[in-house]
């Protein structure tokens, strides 16, 4: 696990630069899932997702020389925005490799923060393209989900959950590459070891399931056009995988239809504008897939709210959100 001292140090480092996001109760969604439910609203975070916590912690820890060389990262969108924003905060140049099917709102936001966007067609080779750019230009890589400093930043979300919900019994976390999961699990389990931590990933393209079976991160096939693009990196992180083995109690999966239903409920009943990945934890609860949740005090992480308005409207008009 990421040491609790590192997570608390991260909280001090980024304090005042990122939001302390609200923990909001939802009696309706709790009733539907048989839980006493609270939603940790990282959709209200800077740049619209949890990602600035880790990105800023990494960037603030870099030397002046590392920043001056320029930053580079790879992302479907949320980490791209976070690194672009963090780079602007410290006045460092930034380039981001993104899939050419990334949501338009995320592409526009990255460019709006002043970063250069490099589009790449094949999601499976996004990291290869990023490394080509990094080596050619001598840039400093800010990893989206497999850096202990980044995970410490993400873990500050867990500190806030435990502080604001000291009686929490189950924490449910969306899982793509595992950065948020690894950080939150590390924080929660070191403060309250008896709390169940449950990861949620896409049934059509799981990452941790195959990695746990293989005993190491492996390349995985991810679905194209999913609303949960934030859950589709080409593999999971080695560090998060180790944390999952050590202290995550369950890895659940959800379908695209379950994510869409959760997005509808979050919009209509909780009034939260949420992207597919951000709805994954709620989806697992509403679908009854979180073991040991019924009758307990549960926190579901709403990890982000960056979705094109047209795609969000599509979940109500029958088009399912359309292609990315």
Protein backbone atom coordinates (compact mmCIF):
# COMPACT_ATOMS: atom_id res chain seq x y z
CA UNK A 1 0.00 0.00 0.00
CA UNK A 2 0.97 3.63 -0.37
CA UNK A 3 2.17 4.72 3.09
CA UNK A 4 -0.37 6.80 4.96
CA UNK A 5 2.35 9.36 5.69
CA UNK A 6 2.80 9.89 1.93
CA UNK A 7 -0.94 10.34 1.41
CA UNK A 8 -1.16 12.87 4.23
CA UNK A 9 1.89 14.69 2.86
CA UNK A 10 0.16 14.83 -0.52
CA UNK A 11 -2.91 16.33 1.13
CA UNK A 12 -0.77 19.11 2.58
CA UNK A 13 1.04 19.70 -0.73
CA UNK A 14 -2.12 20.11 -2.80
CA UNK A 15 -4.23 21.79 -0.13
CA UNK A 16 -5.78 25.02 -1.40
CA UNK A 17 -5.07 24.14 -5.03
CA UNK A 18 -7.76 21.45 -5.44
CA UNK A 19 -11.25 21.21 -4.01
CA UNK A 20 -12.31 19.25 -0.98
CA UNK A 21 -15.27 17.66 -2.73
CA UNK A 22 -18.62 17.08 -1.02
CA UNK A 23 -19.94 13.78 0.28
CA UNK A 24 -23.67 13.87 -0.47
CA UNK A 25 -26.28 11.42 0.77
CA UNK A 26 -28.83 9.92 -1.62
CA UNK A 27 -31.81 8.36 0.13
CA UNK A 28 -33.40 7.36 -3.18
CA UNK A 29 -30.37 5.56 -4.62
CA UNK A 30 -29.63 4.10 -1.22
CA UNK A 31 -33.14 2.70 -1.06
CA UNK A 32 -32.78 1.22 -4.54
CA UNK A 33 -29.54 -0.50 -3.52
CA UNK A 34 -30.59 -1.44 0.01
CA UNK A 35 -27.86 0.71 1.53
CA UNK A 36 -27.33 3.94 3.41
CA UNK A 37 -25.58 5.59 0.50
CA UNK A 38 -23.34 8.62 0.17
CA UNK A 39 -21.75 9.83 -3.06
CA UNK A 40 -18.19 11.22 -3.06
CA UNK A 41 -18.55 13.82 -5.78
CA UNK A 42 -15.22 14.07 -7.57
CA UNK A 43 -17.23 15.28 -10.56
CA UNK A 44 -17.01 18.66 -8.76
CA UNK A 45 -13.19 18.52 -8.61
CA UNK A 46 -10.93 20.82 -10.62
CA UNK A 47 -11.10 19.81 -14.32
CA UNK A 48 -14.16 17.65 -13.54
CA UNK A 49 -12.54 14.50 -12.13
CA UNK A 50 -10.36 13.15 -9.32
CA UNK A 51 -7.27 13.25 -11.53
CA UNK A 52 -5.80 16.65 -10.50
CA UNK A 53 -5.08 15.27 -7.03
CA UNK A 54 -2.44 12.88 -8.33
CA UNK A 55 -1.26 14.93 -11.31
CA UNK A 56 -0.63 18.03 -9.20
CA UNK A 57 1.13 16.02 -6.49
CA UNK A 58 3.50 14.63 -9.14
CA UNK A 59 4.11 17.96 -10.87
CA UNK A 60 4.74 19.87 -7.63
CA UNK A 61 7.31 17.25 -6.69
CA UNK A 62 9.31 17.63 -9.91
CA UNK A 63 12.50 19.66 -10.08
CA UNK A 64 12.59 22.94 -11.96
CA UNK A 65 14.70 21.24 -14.63
CA UNK A 66 12.17 18.45 -15.07
CA UNK A 67 9.35 20.95 -15.45
CA UNK A 68 11.34 23.14 -17.82
CA UNK A 69 11.90 20.20 -20.20
CA UNK A 70 8.14 19.96 -20.55
CA UNK A 71 5.62 17.36 -19.47
CA UNK A 72 4.05 14.54 -21.45
CA UNK A 73 1.32 12.07 -20.66
CA UNK A 74 -1.15 9.68 -22.26
CA UNK A 75 -4.85 9.59 -21.51
CA UNK A 76 -8.35 9.11 -22.84
CA UNK A 77 -9.21 12.47 -21.32
CA UNK A 78 -9.41 13.05 -17.58
CA UNK A 79 -5.73 12.60 -16.78
CA UNK A 80 -4.92 14.59 -19.91
CA UNK A 81 -6.94 17.52 -18.58
CA UNK A 82 -5.42 17.20 -15.12
CA UNK A 83 -1.82 17.23 -16.35
CA UNK A 84 -2.54 20.09 -18.75
CA UNK A 85 -4.08 22.05 -15.87
CA UNK A 86 -1.21 21.21 -13.48
CA UNK A 87 1.33 22.20 -16.14
CA UNK A 88 -0.39 25.55 -16.53
CA UNK A 89 -0.29 26.00 -12.74
CA UNK A 90 3.52 25.72 -12.75
CA UNK A 91 3.98 27.34 -16.19
CA UNK A 92 5.43 24.21 -17.80
CA UNK A 93 4.89 23.18 -21.44
CA UNK A 94 2.81 20.03 -21.89
CA UNK A 95 2.01 17.51 -24.63
CA UNK A 96 -0.68 14.85 -24.36
CA UNK A 97 -1.17 11.72 -26.46
CA UNK A 98 -4.89 10.95 -26.73
CA UNK A 99 -6.99 8.46 -28.71
CA UNK A 100 -8.54 10.09 -31.75
CA UNK A 101 -11.96 8.94 -30.54
CA UNK A 102 -11.67 10.81 -27.24
CA UNK A 103 -14.76 12.84 -26.27
CA UNK A 104 -14.76 16.27 -27.87
CA UNK A 105 -15.30 18.01 -24.53
CA UNK A 106 -12.14 16.42 -23.15
CA UNK A 107 -10.09 17.33 -26.21
CA UNK A 108 -11.34 20.91 -26.06
CA UNK A 109 -10.55 21.15 -22.34
CA UNK A 110 -6.97 19.88 -22.76
CA UNK A 111 -6.34 22.43 -25.48
CA UNK A 112 -8.05 25.08 -23.37
CA UNK A 113 -5.53 24.52 -20.59
CA UNK A 114 -2.78 25.21 -23.12
CA UNK A 115 -1.47 21.72 -23.81
CA UNK A 116 -0.58 20.25 -27.20
CA UNK A 117 -2.81 17.32 -28.19
CA UNK A 118 -1.29 14.49 -30.22
CA UNK A 119 -3.99 12.16 -31.51
CA UNK A 120 -3.30 8.47 -32.03
CA UNK A 121 -5.68 6.00 -33.65
CA UNK A 122 -4.82 2.70 -31.95
CA UNK A 123 -5.68 2.68 -28.23
CA UNK A 124 -3.57 -0.46 -27.72
CA UNK A 125 -0.41 1.44 -28.72
CA UNK A 126 -1.09 4.78 -27.05
CA UNK A 127 1.75 4.29 -24.59
CA UNK A 128 4.13 3.36 -27.40
CA UNK A 129 3.29 6.61 -29.19
CA UNK A 130 3.71 8.59 -25.98
CA UNK A 131 7.17 7.09 -25.38
CA UNK A 132 8.18 8.02 -28.93
CA UNK A 133 7.22 11.63 -28.24
CA UNK A 134 8.90 11.62 -24.82
CA UNK A 135 12.20 10.28 -26.17
CA UNK A 136 12.23 12.54 -29.22
CA UNK A 137 11.68 15.69 -27.17
CA UNK A 138 13.25 14.76 -23.82
CA UNK A 139 10.01 15.36 -21.93
CA UNK A 140 9.11 14.38 -18.35
CA UNK A 141 6.46 11.64 -18.21
CA UNK A 142 3.55 12.01 -15.77
CA UNK A 143 2.08 8.51 -15.49
CA UNK A 144 -1.74 8.30 -15.40
CA UNK A 145 -2.08 5.41 -12.94
CA UNK A 146 1.19 3.70 -11.96
CA UNK A 147 3.22 6.29 -10.04
CA UNK A 148 3.35 6.12 -6.21
CA UNK A 149 3.32 9.93 -5.98
CA UNK A 150 0.22 10.05 -8.17
CA UNK A 151 -1.46 7.33 -6.12
CA UNK A 152 -0.68 9.26 -2.94
CA UNK A 153 -2.49 12.24 -4.43
CA UNK A 154 -5.47 10.10 -5.41
CA UNK A 155 -5.44 8.67 -1.89
CA UNK A 156 -6.38 12.06 -0.48
CA UNK A 157 -9.89 11.24 -1.69
CA UNK A 158 -9.86 8.34 0.77
CA UNK A 159 -8.72 10.59 3.60
CA UNK A 160 -11.70 12.85 2.97
CA UNK A 161 -14.13 9.93 2.82
CA UNK A 162 -13.05 8.56 6.19
CA UNK A 163 -13.05 12.03 7.76
CA UNK A 164 -16.52 12.91 6.47
CA UNK A 165 -18.05 9.43 6.92
CA UNK A 166 -16.33 7.93 9.96
CA UNK A 167 -18.98 5.20 10.17
CA UNK A 168 -18.49 4.04 6.55
CA UNK A 169 -18.52 0.26 6.10
CA UNK A 170 -18.10 -0.18 2.32
CA UNK A 171 -16.28 2.01 -0.23
CA UNK A 172 -16.93 1.36 -3.92
CA UNK A 173 -14.41 2.67 -6.46
CA UNK A 174 -14.36 2.73 -10.29
CA UNK A 175 -11.25 1.04 -11.68
CA UNK A 176 -9.54 1.73 -14.99
CA UNK A 177 -5.76 1.66 -14.65
CA UNK A 178 -6.18 1.57 -10.89
CA UNK A 179 -4.68 4.86 -9.73
CA UNK A 180 -7.77 6.03 -7.86
CA UNK A 181 -8.46 2.54 -6.56
CA UNK A 182 -4.92 2.05 -5.29
CA UNK A 183 -4.78 5.41 -3.57
CA UNK A 184 -8.20 5.20 -1.97
CA UNK A 185 -7.75 1.59 -0.85
CA UNK A 186 -4.39 2.46 0.71
CA UNK A 187 -5.84 5.36 2.68
CA UNK A 188 -9.04 3.66 3.80
CA UNK A 189 -7.52 0.32 4.78
CA UNK A 190 -4.74 1.89 6.87
CA UNK A 191 -7.20 4.06 8.80
CA UNK A 192 -10.15 1.63 8.97
CA UNK A 193 -8.97 -1.91 8.13
CA UNK A 194 -12.46 -3.41 8.52
CA UNK A 195 -14.00 -1.30 5.74
CA UNK A 196 -14.72 -3.32 2.59
CA UNK A 197 -13.16 -1.81 -0.54
CA UNK A 198 -14.75 -2.88 -3.81
CA UNK A 199 -13.39 -2.15 -7.29
CA UNK A 200 -15.71 -1.85 -10.29
CA UNK A 201 -14.63 -2.33 -13.90
CA UNK A 202 -16.25 -2.96 -17.27
CA UNK A 203 -17.60 -6.45 -17.84
CA UNK A 204 -16.90 -6.12 -21.58
CA UNK A 205 -13.26 -5.14 -21.04
CA UNK A 206 -11.99 -5.92 -17.54
CA UNK A 207 -8.40 -5.15 -16.62
CA UNK A 208 -7.93 -6.39 -13.06
CA UNK A 209 -9.66 -9.72 -13.63
CA UNK A 210 -7.15 -10.84 -16.31
CA UNK A 211 -4.24 -9.28 -14.42
CA UNK A 212 -5.10 -11.09 -11.19
CA UNK A 213 -5.42 -14.35 -13.10
CA UNK A 214 -2.03 -13.82 -14.77
CA UNK A 215 -0.35 -12.47 -11.64
CA UNK A 216 0.83 -9.37 -13.53
CA UNK A 217 -0.56 -6.59 -15.76
CA UNK A 218 -1.43 -7.91 -19.21
CA UNK A 219 -2.66 -6.15 -22.38
CA UNK A 220 -6.45 -6.26 -22.52
CA UNK A 221 -9.01 -5.64 -25.23
CA UNK A 222 -11.29 -2.72 -24.35
CA UNK A 223 -14.66 -1.96 -25.95
CA UNK A 224 -14.80 0.85 -28.50
CA UNK A 225 -17.43 3.56 -28.10
CA UNK A 226 -18.20 2.86 -24.45
CA UNK A 227 -19.54 5.73 -22.36
CA UNK A 228 -17.01 4.67 -19.71
CA UNK A 229 -13.89 5.67 -21.69
CA UNK A 230 -12.15 6.44 -18.39
CA UNK A 231 -12.15 2.70 -17.63
CA UNK A 232 -10.36 1.69 -20.83
CA UNK A 233 -6.55 2.01 -20.53
CA UNK A 234 -4.74 -0.79 -22.41
CA UNK A 235 -3.57 -2.39 -19.14
CA UNK A 236 -3.69 -1.85 -15.38
CA UNK A 237 -0.83 -0.53 -13.30
CA UNK A 238 1.62 -2.86 -11.59
CA UNK A 239 1.50 -0.85 -8.35
CA UNK A 240 -2.32 -0.75 -8.21
CA UNK A 241 -2.41 -4.48 -8.97
CA UNK A 242 -0.22 -5.15 -5.95
CA UNK A 243 -2.52 -3.04 -3.79
CA UNK A 244 -5.58 -4.88 -5.12
CA UNK A 245 -4.01 -8.21 -4.17
CA UNK A 246 -3.26 -6.91 -0.70
CA UNK A 247 -6.35 -5.02 0.37
CA UNK A 248 -9.23 -4.89 -2.13
CA UNK A 249 -12.04 -7.18 -1.04
CA UNK A 250 -13.87 -7.62 -4.36
CA UNK A 251 -13.52 -6.77 -8.03
CA UNK A 252 -17.01 -6.41 -9.52
CA UNK A 253 -17.94 -5.82 -13.15
CA UNK A 254 -20.77 -3.84 -14.73
CA UNK A 255 -22.31 -3.81 -18.18
CA UNK A 256 -22.77 -0.80 -20.44
CA UNK A 257 -26.54 -1.01 -19.85
CA UNK A 258 -26.00 -0.90 -16.07
CA UNK A 259 -23.75 2.14 -16.42
CA UNK A 260 -26.34 3.91 -18.56
CA UNK A 261 -29.06 3.19 -15.99
CA UNK A 262 -26.84 4.53 -13.20
CA UNK A 263 -26.13 7.68 -15.20
CA UNK A 264 -29.86 8.22 -15.63
CA UNK A 265 -30.47 7.81 -11.90
CA UNK A 266 -27.59 10.08 -10.94
CA UNK A 267 -28.89 12.82 -13.23
CA UNK A 268 -32.57 12.52 -12.35
CA UNK A 269 -32.42 11.69 -8.64
CA UNK A 270 -29.06 13.02 -7.43
CA UNK A 271 -28.83 15.90 -9.96
CA UNK A 272 -25.26 14.93 -10.84
CA UNK A 273 -23.85 15.40 -14.34
CA UNK A 274 -21.70 12.26 -14.53
CA UNK A 275 -19.66 10.45 -17.18
CA UNK A 276 -19.82 6.69 -17.67
CA UNK A 277 -16.73 5.86 -15.63
CA UNK A 278 -17.97 8.15 -12.88
CA UNK A 279 -21.22 6.18 -12.67
CA UNK A 280 -19.58 2.73 -12.49
CA UNK A 281 -19.54 2.43 -8.68
CA UNK A 282 -23.19 3.47 -8.45
CA UNK A 283 -24.03 1.06 -11.28
CA UNK A 284 -22.57 -1.88 -9.37
CA UNK A 285 -24.61 -0.99 -6.30
CA UNK A 286 -27.88 -0.54 -8.20
CA UNK A 287 -27.29 -3.85 -10.00
CA UNK A 288 -26.76 -5.66 -6.70
CA UNK A 289 -23.20 -6.64 -7.57
CA UNK A 290 -21.40 -5.31 -4.48
CA UNK A 291 -21.08 -8.15 -1.99
CA UNK A 292 -21.87 -7.28 1.62
CA UNK A 293 -23.33 -3.85 0.82
CA UNK A 294 -26.99 -4.35 1.72
CA UNK A 295 -27.92 -2.84 5.05
CA UNK A 296 -24.59 -1.06 5.38
CA UNK A 297 -23.26 2.48 5.20
CA UNK A 298 -21.71 2.79 1.74
CA UNK A 299 -19.74 5.45 -0.10
CA UNK A 300 -19.72 5.27 -3.90
CA UNK A 301 -17.08 7.30 -5.67
CA UNK A 302 -18.40 9.45 -8.50
CA UNK A 303 -15.01 9.83 -10.14
CA UNK A 304 -15.76 12.29 -12.93
CA UNK A 305 -18.29 14.32 -14.85
CA UNK A 306 -16.60 14.97 -18.18
CA UNK A 307 -18.98 13.87 -20.90
CA UNK A 308 -20.16 15.55 -24.09
CA UNK A 309 -23.64 16.98 -23.56
CA UNK A 310 -24.90 15.20 -26.67
CA UNK A 311 -23.77 11.84 -25.34
CA UNK A 312 -25.40 12.45 -21.97
CA UNK A 313 -28.65 13.40 -23.68
CA UNK A 314 -28.38 10.20 -25.70
CA UNK A 315 -28.94 8.05 -22.62
CA UNK A 316 -32.42 9.56 -22.36
CA UNK A 317 -33.46 9.66 -26.03
CA UNK A 318 -32.77 5.99 -26.72
CA UNK A 319 -29.52 6.35 -28.68
CA UNK A 320 -27.45 5.15 -25.71
CA UNK A 321 -25.04 8.06 -25.96
CA UNK A 322 -23.74 7.30 -29.44
CA UNK A 323 -20.16 6.68 -30.47
CA UNK A 324 -17.21 8.38 -28.85
